[in-house]
């Protein structure tokens, strides 16, 4: 049971160790897990499973156990992900994988995300992704699944380079930034110029729309 009436809320301090603290009380007649938040109940259940697994049977020692994590947040990275797989892919993390990470104490995942997959802005519309709404919806769906396992997503946005003749540079020449020293498949690539006010407004609007 939760001791906090607002335990369903996801608006909480991720660095507060008490969010995941729990008390496990084992008596002759019942097993009681108490916590301030649902995440404490989740980790209390994980701990109860480990106790029974260690004994090889559902036999528990009577008494009271109080536990709280030493560190929070505890962020990990996803592995076994194809290099060309989009973050918005619904198969990015399976429920089994998320459950295993949660059982081992992970409560955060760095999510590598190409910013242009979720780009919608009025300053550099040439960079807008036609699947923006669908990609953001997929990210929200992934976020909902990770939250069920007590795991937060920490978005790690990145960008990619564009060919010299990309539509954004043709429409806005001042946004073309430094050129990569080596050509990729015979084509020179440029980043967006961070000294351009239009580029900065594009980043601002895109990130605002995302979050």
C-alpha atoms as a PDB file:
ATOM      1  CA  UNK A   1       0.000   0.000   0.000  1.00  0.00           C
ATOM      2  CA  UNK A   2       1.098   3.586  -0.595  1.00  0.00           C
ATOM      3  CA  UNK A   3       1.194   6.080   2.237  1.00  0.00           C
ATOM      4  CA  UNK A   4       0.928   9.070  -0.117  1.00  0.00           C
ATOM      5  CA  UNK A   5      -2.447   9.946  -1.628  1.00  0.00           C
ATOM      6  CA  UNK A   6      -0.705  11.449  -4.674  1.00  0.00           C
ATOM      7  CA  UNK A   7       1.426   8.400  -5.389  1.00  0.00           C
ATOM      8  CA  UNK A   8       0.030   8.100  -8.909  1.00  0.00           C
ATOM      9  CA  UNK A   9       1.628  11.393  -9.908  1.00  0.00           C
ATOM     10  CA  UNK A  10       4.649  11.318 -12.208  1.00  0.00           C
ATOM     11  CA  UNK A  11       5.535  14.874 -11.134  1.00  0.00           C
ATOM     12  CA  UNK A  12       8.174  14.164  -8.495  1.00  0.00           C
ATOM     13  CA  UNK A  13      11.830  14.750  -7.718  1.00  0.00           C
ATOM     14  CA  UNK A  14      13.809  12.003  -9.454  1.00  0.00           C
ATOM     15  CA  UNK A  15      16.771  12.635  -7.132  1.00  0.00           C
ATOM     16  CA  UNK A  16      14.694  12.021  -3.967  1.00  0.00           C
ATOM     17  CA  UNK A  17      15.731   8.598  -2.681  1.00  0.00           C
ATOM     18  CA  UNK A  18      12.572   8.282  -0.568  1.00  0.00           C
ATOM     19  CA  UNK A  19      10.475   7.989  -3.740  1.00  0.00           C
ATOM     20  CA  UNK A  20      11.743   4.410  -4.089  1.00  0.00           C
ATOM     21  CA  UNK A  21      12.060   3.595  -0.377  1.00  0.00           C
ATOM     22  CA  UNK A  22       9.877   0.833   1.028  1.00  0.00           C
ATOM     23  CA  UNK A  23       9.159  -1.142   4.165  1.00  0.00           C
ATOM     24  CA  UNK A  24       8.570  -4.891   4.022  1.00  0.00           C
ATOM     25  CA  UNK A  25       6.883  -6.463   7.044  1.00  0.00           C
ATOM     26  CA  UNK A  26       6.483 -10.230   7.199  1.00  0.00           C
ATOM     27  CA  UNK A  27       4.254 -11.749   9.871  1.00  0.00           C
ATOM     28  CA  UNK A  28       2.512 -15.068  10.441  1.00  0.00           C
ATOM     29  CA  UNK A  29      -0.580 -13.946   8.541  1.00  0.00           C
ATOM     30  CA  UNK A  30       0.519 -11.469   5.881  1.00  0.00           C
ATOM     31  CA  UNK A  31       3.232  -9.781   3.870  1.00  0.00           C
ATOM     32  CA  UNK A  32       2.897  -5.993   3.860  1.00  0.00           C
ATOM     33  CA  UNK A  33       4.801  -3.643   1.571  1.00  0.00           C
ATOM     34  CA  UNK A  34       4.475   0.066   2.375  1.00  0.00           C
ATOM     35  CA  UNK A  35       5.912   3.012   0.453  1.00  0.00           C
ATOM     36  CA  UNK A  36       5.312   6.702  -0.195  1.00  0.00           C
ATOM     37  CA  UNK A  37       5.084   6.181  -3.949  1.00  0.00           C
ATOM     38  CA  UNK A  38       4.226   3.432  -6.396  1.00  0.00           C
ATOM     39  CA  UNK A  39       7.900   3.190  -7.310  1.00  0.00           C
ATOM     40  CA  UNK A  40       8.629   2.138  -3.745  1.00  0.00           C
ATOM     41  CA  UNK A  41       6.001  -0.591  -4.061  1.00  0.00           C
ATOM     42  CA  UNK A  42       7.557  -1.695  -7.349  1.00  0.00           C
ATOM     43  CA  UNK A  43      11.024  -2.067  -5.850  1.00  0.00           C
ATOM     44  CA  UNK A  44       9.575  -3.651  -2.741  1.00  0.00           C
ATOM     45  CA  UNK A  45       8.009  -6.313  -4.961  1.00  0.00           C
ATOM     46  CA  UNK A  46      11.323  -6.810  -6.778  1.00  0.00           C
ATOM     47  CA  UNK A  47      13.052  -7.265  -3.408  1.00  0.00           C
ATOM     48  CA  UNK A  48      10.424  -9.735  -2.241  1.00  0.00           C
ATOM     49  CA  UNK A  49      10.972 -11.775  -5.398  1.00  0.00           C
ATOM     50  CA  UNK A  50      14.738 -11.844  -4.755  1.00  0.00           C
ATOM     51  CA  UNK A  51      14.229 -13.046  -1.168  1.00  0.00           C
ATOM     52  CA  UNK A  52      12.141 -15.982  -2.376  1.00  0.00           C
ATOM     53  CA  UNK A  53      14.503 -16.705  -5.261  1.00  0.00           C
ATOM     54  CA  UNK A  54      17.479 -16.835  -2.862  1.00  0.00           C
ATOM     55  CA  UNK A  55      15.679 -19.421  -0.717  1.00  0.00           C
ATOM     56  CA  UNK A  56      14.373 -21.320  -3.725  1.00  0.00           C
ATOM     57  CA  UNK A  57      10.823 -21.272  -2.379  1.00  0.00           C
ATOM     58  CA  UNK A  58       8.147 -18.862  -1.076  1.00  0.00           C
ATOM     59  CA  UNK A  59       9.432 -19.141   2.502  1.00  0.00           C
ATOM     60  CA  UNK A  60      10.333 -15.903   4.245  1.00  0.00           C
ATOM     61  CA  UNK A  61      11.839 -14.952   7.583  1.00  0.00           C
ATOM     62  CA  UNK A  62       9.475 -13.003   9.824  1.00  0.00           C
ATOM     63  CA  UNK A  63      10.411  -9.434  10.599  1.00  0.00           C
ATOM     64  CA  UNK A  64      10.546  -5.887   9.283  1.00  0.00           C
ATOM     65  CA  UNK A  65      12.903  -4.653   6.560  1.00  0.00           C
ATOM     66  CA  UNK A  66      13.395  -0.994   5.615  1.00  0.00           C
ATOM     67  CA  UNK A  67      15.255  -0.166   2.423  1.00  0.00           C
ATOM     68  CA  UNK A  68      16.045   2.908   0.340  1.00  0.00           C
ATOM     69  CA  UNK A  69      18.326   3.241  -2.690  1.00  0.00           C
ATOM     70  CA  UNK A  70      21.746   4.755  -2.141  1.00  0.00           C
ATOM     71  CA  UNK A  71      21.784   6.544  -5.493  1.00  0.00           C
ATOM     72  CA  UNK A  72      19.112   8.176  -7.623  1.00  0.00           C
ATOM     73  CA  UNK A  73      18.732   8.461 -10.504  1.00  0.00           C
ATOM     74  CA  UNK A  74      20.421   5.284 -11.783  1.00  0.00           C
ATOM     75  CA  UNK A  75      20.691   5.722 -15.530  1.00  0.00           C
ATOM     76  CA  UNK A  76      21.691   3.025 -17.990  1.00  0.00           C
ATOM     77  CA  UNK A  77      21.923   2.782 -21.758  1.00  0.00           C
ATOM     78  CA  UNK A  78      19.969   0.480 -23.998  1.00  0.00           C
ATOM     79  CA  UNK A  79      21.966  -2.240 -25.721  1.00  0.00           C
ATOM     80  CA  UNK A  80      21.211  -4.707 -28.489  1.00  0.00           C
ATOM     81  CA  UNK A  81      19.658  -1.901 -30.530  1.00  0.00           C
ATOM     82  CA  UNK A  82      20.267  -1.822 -34.278  1.00  0.00           C
ATOM     83  CA  UNK A  83      22.274   1.192 -35.381  1.00  0.00           C
ATOM     84  CA  UNK A  84      19.664   2.151 -37.986  1.00  0.00           C
ATOM     85  CA  UNK A  85      16.686   1.624 -35.684  1.00  0.00           C
ATOM     86  CA  UNK A  86      14.734   4.782 -34.899  1.00  0.00           C
ATOM     87  CA  UNK A  87      14.085   5.749 -31.301  1.00  0.00           C
ATOM     88  CA  UNK A  88      10.387   5.998 -32.133  1.00  0.00           C
ATOM     89  CA  UNK A  89      10.296   2.360 -33.233  1.00  0.00           C
ATOM     90  CA  UNK A  90       7.797   0.626 -30.886  1.00  0.00           C
ATOM     91  CA  UNK A  91      10.160  -2.345 -30.687  1.00  0.00           C
ATOM     92  CA  UNK A  92      13.041  -0.243 -29.363  1.00  0.00           C
ATOM     93  CA  UNK A  93      12.724  -1.824 -25.917  1.00  0.00           C
ATOM     94  CA  UNK A  94      10.673  -4.925 -25.230  1.00  0.00           C
ATOM     95  CA  UNK A  95       8.634  -5.159 -22.020  1.00  0.00           C
ATOM     96  CA  UNK A  96      10.783  -8.137 -20.995  1.00  0.00           C
ATOM     97  CA  UNK A  97      13.942  -6.074 -21.432  1.00  0.00           C
ATOM     98  CA  UNK A  98      12.499  -3.141 -19.456  1.00  0.00           C
ATOM     99  CA  UNK A  99      11.361  -5.483 -16.686  1.00  0.00           C
ATOM    100  CA  UNK A 100      14.830  -6.997 -16.414  1.00  0.00           C
ATOM    101  CA  UNK A 101      16.445  -3.537 -16.241  1.00  0.00           C
ATOM    102  CA  UNK A 102      13.973  -2.508 -13.526  1.00  0.00           C
ATOM    103  CA  UNK A 103      14.694  -5.673 -11.512  1.00  0.00           C
ATOM    104  CA  UNK A 104      18.401  -4.816 -11.602  1.00  0.00           C
ATOM    105  CA  UNK A 105      17.701  -1.338 -10.242  1.00  0.00           C
ATOM    106  CA  UNK A 106      17.736   0.821 -13.363  1.00  0.00           C
ATOM    107  CA  UNK A 107      15.325   3.757 -13.137  1.00  0.00           C
ATOM    108  CA  UNK A 108      16.476   5.796 -16.132  1.00  0.00           C
ATOM    109  CA  UNK A 109      17.532   5.208 -19.728  1.00  0.00           C
ATOM    110  CA  UNK A 110      19.480   7.487 -22.039  1.00  0.00           C
ATOM    111  CA  UNK A 111      17.455   7.618 -25.245  1.00  0.00           C
ATOM    112  CA  UNK A 112      19.478   8.635 -28.294  1.00  0.00           C
ATOM    113  CA  UNK A 113      17.189  10.609 -30.585  1.00  0.00           C
ATOM    114  CA  UNK A 114      17.841  12.304 -33.916  1.00  0.00           C
ATOM    115  CA  UNK A 115      16.247  15.721 -33.526  1.00  0.00           C
ATOM    116  CA  UNK A 116      15.152  15.848 -37.150  1.00  0.00           C
ATOM    117  CA  UNK A 117      12.875  12.825 -36.652  1.00  0.00           C
ATOM    118  CA  UNK A 118      10.698  15.008 -34.407  1.00  0.00           C
ATOM    119  CA  UNK A 119      11.260  18.351 -36.103  1.00  0.00           C
ATOM    120  CA  UNK A 120       8.361  20.740 -36.624  1.00  0.00           C
ATOM    121  CA  UNK A 121       9.212  24.427 -36.860  1.00  0.00           C
ATOM    122  CA  UNK A 122       8.421  27.578 -38.842  1.00  0.00           C
ATOM    123  CA  UNK A 123      11.963  28.942 -39.125  1.00  0.00           C
ATOM    124  CA  UNK A 124      13.531  26.160 -41.211  1.00  0.00           C
ATOM    125  CA  UNK A 125      10.518  24.252 -42.559  1.00  0.00           C
ATOM    126  CA  UNK A 126      12.776  22.377 -44.980  1.00  0.00           C
ATOM    127  CA  UNK A 127      13.892  20.283 -41.996  1.00  0.00           C
ATOM    128  CA  UNK A 128      10.398  19.306 -40.873  1.00  0.00           C
ATOM    129  CA  UNK A 129       9.773  15.567 -40.779  1.00  0.00           C
ATOM    130  CA  UNK A 130       6.441  14.615 -42.394  1.00  0.00           C
ATOM    131  CA  UNK A 131       6.142  11.838 -39.789  1.00  0.00           C
ATOM    132  CA  UNK A 132       6.782  14.176 -36.844  1.00  0.00           C
ATOM    133  CA  UNK A 133       3.423  13.643 -35.124  1.00  0.00           C
ATOM    134  CA  UNK A 134       3.645   9.881 -35.552  1.00  0.00           C
ATOM    135  CA  UNK A 135       7.207   9.795 -34.202  1.00  0.00           C
ATOM    136  CA  UNK A 136       6.314  11.880 -31.148  1.00  0.00           C
ATOM    137  CA  UNK A 137       3.273   9.675 -30.492  1.00  0.00           C
ATOM    138  CA  UNK A 138       5.550   6.628 -30.632  1.00  0.00           C
ATOM    139  CA  UNK A 139       7.928   8.264 -28.159  1.00  0.00           C
ATOM    140  CA  UNK A 140       5.027   8.989 -25.814  1.00  0.00           C
ATOM    141  CA  UNK A 141       3.933   5.366 -26.089  1.00  0.00           C
ATOM    142  CA  UNK A 142       7.477   4.216 -25.277  1.00  0.00           C
ATOM    143  CA  UNK A 143       7.577   6.632 -22.338  1.00  0.00           C
ATOM    144  CA  UNK A 144       4.298   5.224 -21.012  1.00  0.00           C
ATOM    145  CA  UNK A 145       5.736   1.694 -21.161  1.00  0.00           C
ATOM    146  CA  UNK A 146       8.992   2.623 -19.393  1.00  0.00           C
ATOM    147  CA  UNK A 147       7.074   4.440 -16.642  1.00  0.00           C
ATOM    148  CA  UNK A 148       5.140   1.255 -15.906  1.00  0.00           C
ATOM    149  CA  UNK A 149       8.502  -0.310 -15.031  1.00  0.00           C
ATOM    150  CA  UNK A 150       9.591   2.674 -12.911  1.00  0.00           C
ATOM    151  CA  UNK A 151      11.985   3.902 -15.605  1.00  0.00           C
ATOM    152  CA  UNK A 152      12.292   7.477 -16.900  1.00  0.00           C
ATOM    153  CA  UNK A 153      13.524   8.439 -20.356  1.00  0.00           C
ATOM    154  CA  UNK A 154      16.410  10.907 -20.546  1.00  0.00           C
ATOM    155  CA  UNK A 155      16.406  12.160 -24.126  1.00  0.00           C
ATOM    156  CA  UNK A 156      19.845  12.565 -25.675  1.00  0.00           C
ATOM    157  CA  UNK A 157      19.155  14.616 -28.845  1.00  0.00           C
ATOM    158  CA  UNK A 158      21.606  14.633 -31.717  1.00  0.00           C
ATOM    159  CA  UNK A 159      21.643  16.096 -35.211  1.00  0.00           C
ATOM    160  CA  UNK A 160      23.135  15.014 -38.500  1.00  0.00           C
ATOM    161  CA  UNK A 161      25.005  16.779 -41.272  1.00  0.00           C
ATOM    162  CA  UNK A 162      23.453  17.810 -44.588  1.00  0.00           C
ATOM    163  CA  UNK A 163      24.781  17.795 -48.141  1.00  0.00           C
ATOM    164  CA  UNK A 164      25.959  21.127 -49.548  1.00  0.00           C
ATOM    165  CA  UNK A 165      22.957  21.329 -51.875  1.00  0.00           C
ATOM    166  CA  UNK A 166      20.329  20.390 -49.280  1.00  0.00           C
ATOM    167  CA  UNK A 167      17.041  22.267 -49.605  1.00  0.00           C
ATOM    168  CA  UNK A 168      17.611  24.083 -46.305  1.00  0.00           C
ATOM    169  CA  UNK A 169      20.883  25.560 -47.576  1.00  0.00           C
ATOM    170  CA  UNK A 170      19.396  26.496 -50.928  1.00  0.00           C
ATOM    171  CA  UNK A 171      16.556  28.353 -49.214  1.00  0.00           C
ATOM    172  CA  UNK A 172      18.668  29.830 -46.413  1.00  0.00           C
ATOM    173  CA  UNK A 173      22.358  30.032 -47.453  1.00  0.00           C
ATOM    174  CA  UNK A 174      23.318  31.773 -44.211  1.00  0.00           C
ATOM    175  CA  UNK A 175      22.449  28.643 -42.227  1.00  0.00           C
ATOM    176  CA  UNK A 176      25.174  26.528 -43.838  1.00  0.00           C
ATOM    177  CA  UNK A 177      27.898  25.924 -41.296  1.00  0.00           C
ATOM    178  CA  UNK A 178      31.295  24.250 -41.285  1.00  0.00           C
ATOM    179  CA  UNK A 179      32.108  21.608 -43.865  1.00  0.00           C
ATOM    180  CA  UNK A 180      33.231  18.153 -42.852  1.00  0.00           C
ATOM    181  CA  UNK A 181      36.834  17.641 -43.923  1.00  0.00           C
ATOM    182  CA  UNK A 182      36.126  14.336 -45.668  1.00  0.00           C
ATOM    183  CA  UNK A 183      33.447  13.763 -48.279  1.00  0.00           C
ATOM    184  CA  UNK A 184      30.901  11.026 -47.572  1.00  0.00           C
ATOM    185  CA  UNK A 185      30.316   8.975 -50.714  1.00  0.00           C
ATOM    186  CA  UNK A 186      31.777  11.850 -52.711  1.00  0.00           C
ATOM    187  CA  UNK A 187      29.466  14.481 -51.195  1.00  0.00           C
ATOM    188  CA  UNK A 188      30.659  17.118 -48.733  1.00  0.00           C
ATOM    189  CA  UNK A 189      28.512  17.556 -45.638  1.00  0.00           C
ATOM    190  CA  UNK A 190      27.802  20.650 -43.544  1.00  0.00           C
ATOM    191  CA  UNK A 191      26.335  21.247 -40.129  1.00  0.00           C
ATOM    192  CA  UNK A 192      23.900  24.028 -39.375  1.00  0.00           C
ATOM    193  CA  UNK A 193      25.584  27.302 -38.421  1.00  0.00           C
ATOM    194  CA  UNK A 194      25.234  27.856 -34.673  1.00  0.00           C
ATOM    195  CA  UNK A 195      25.852  31.552 -35.265  1.00  0.00           C
ATOM    196  CA  UNK A 196      22.634  31.874 -37.258  1.00  0.00           C
ATOM    197  CA  UNK A 197      19.663  33.283 -35.348  1.00  0.00           C
ATOM    198  CA  UNK A 198      17.330  31.354 -37.651  1.00  0.00           C
ATOM    199  CA  UNK A 199      19.049  28.079 -36.750  1.00  0.00           C
ATOM    200  CA  UNK A 200      18.820  28.812 -33.032  1.00  0.00           C
ATOM    201  CA  UNK A 201      15.101  29.607 -33.343  1.00  0.00           C
ATOM    202  CA  UNK A 202      14.637  26.337 -35.238  1.00  0.00           C
ATOM    203  CA  UNK A 203      16.224  24.392 -32.378  1.00  0.00           C
ATOM    204  CA  UNK A 204      14.171  26.292 -29.814  1.00  0.00           C
ATOM    205  CA  UNK A 205      10.841  25.698 -31.531  1.00  0.00           C
ATOM    206  CA  UNK A 206      11.575  22.057 -32.312  1.00  0.00           C
ATOM    207  CA  UNK A 207      12.553  21.257 -28.719  1.00  0.00           C
ATOM    208  CA  UNK A 208       9.578  23.189 -27.352  1.00  0.00           C
ATOM    209  CA  UNK A 209       7.220  21.207 -29.572  1.00  0.00           C
ATOM    210  CA  UNK A 210       8.890  17.963 -28.529  1.00  0.00           C
ATOM    211  CA  UNK A 211       8.702  18.499 -24.775  1.00  0.00           C
END
